[in-house]
């Protein structure tokens, strides 16, 4: 399935683009990469294969634009976004990642 990772997350309060640190626009690529490359307390013993899978996936989406992903890859991105961010980021990101 093709997903456009250059899409900007919508700010619920303004209806405009959500801002990230340093006033960068929060794109689906940005929040996906941050989520894929973060460490989580419930995954202290995450396998090297799973870490490599996430790293390769982050590389796949880093430039934005349309990226062809498998259902497994989309599920992984959604899972880590949910772990990394609260509702204000997770909900709009999930809408952009709708399968």
Foldseek 3Di string as FASTA:
>chain_A
DKFFQQAFFAQPVPRHFDADPPRHGHTLLVLLLVLLQDDDPVPPPPDPVSNVVSVVLNVQCNVGGIGDDDPVSLVVSLVSSPRPDDPRPSVSSCVRSPD
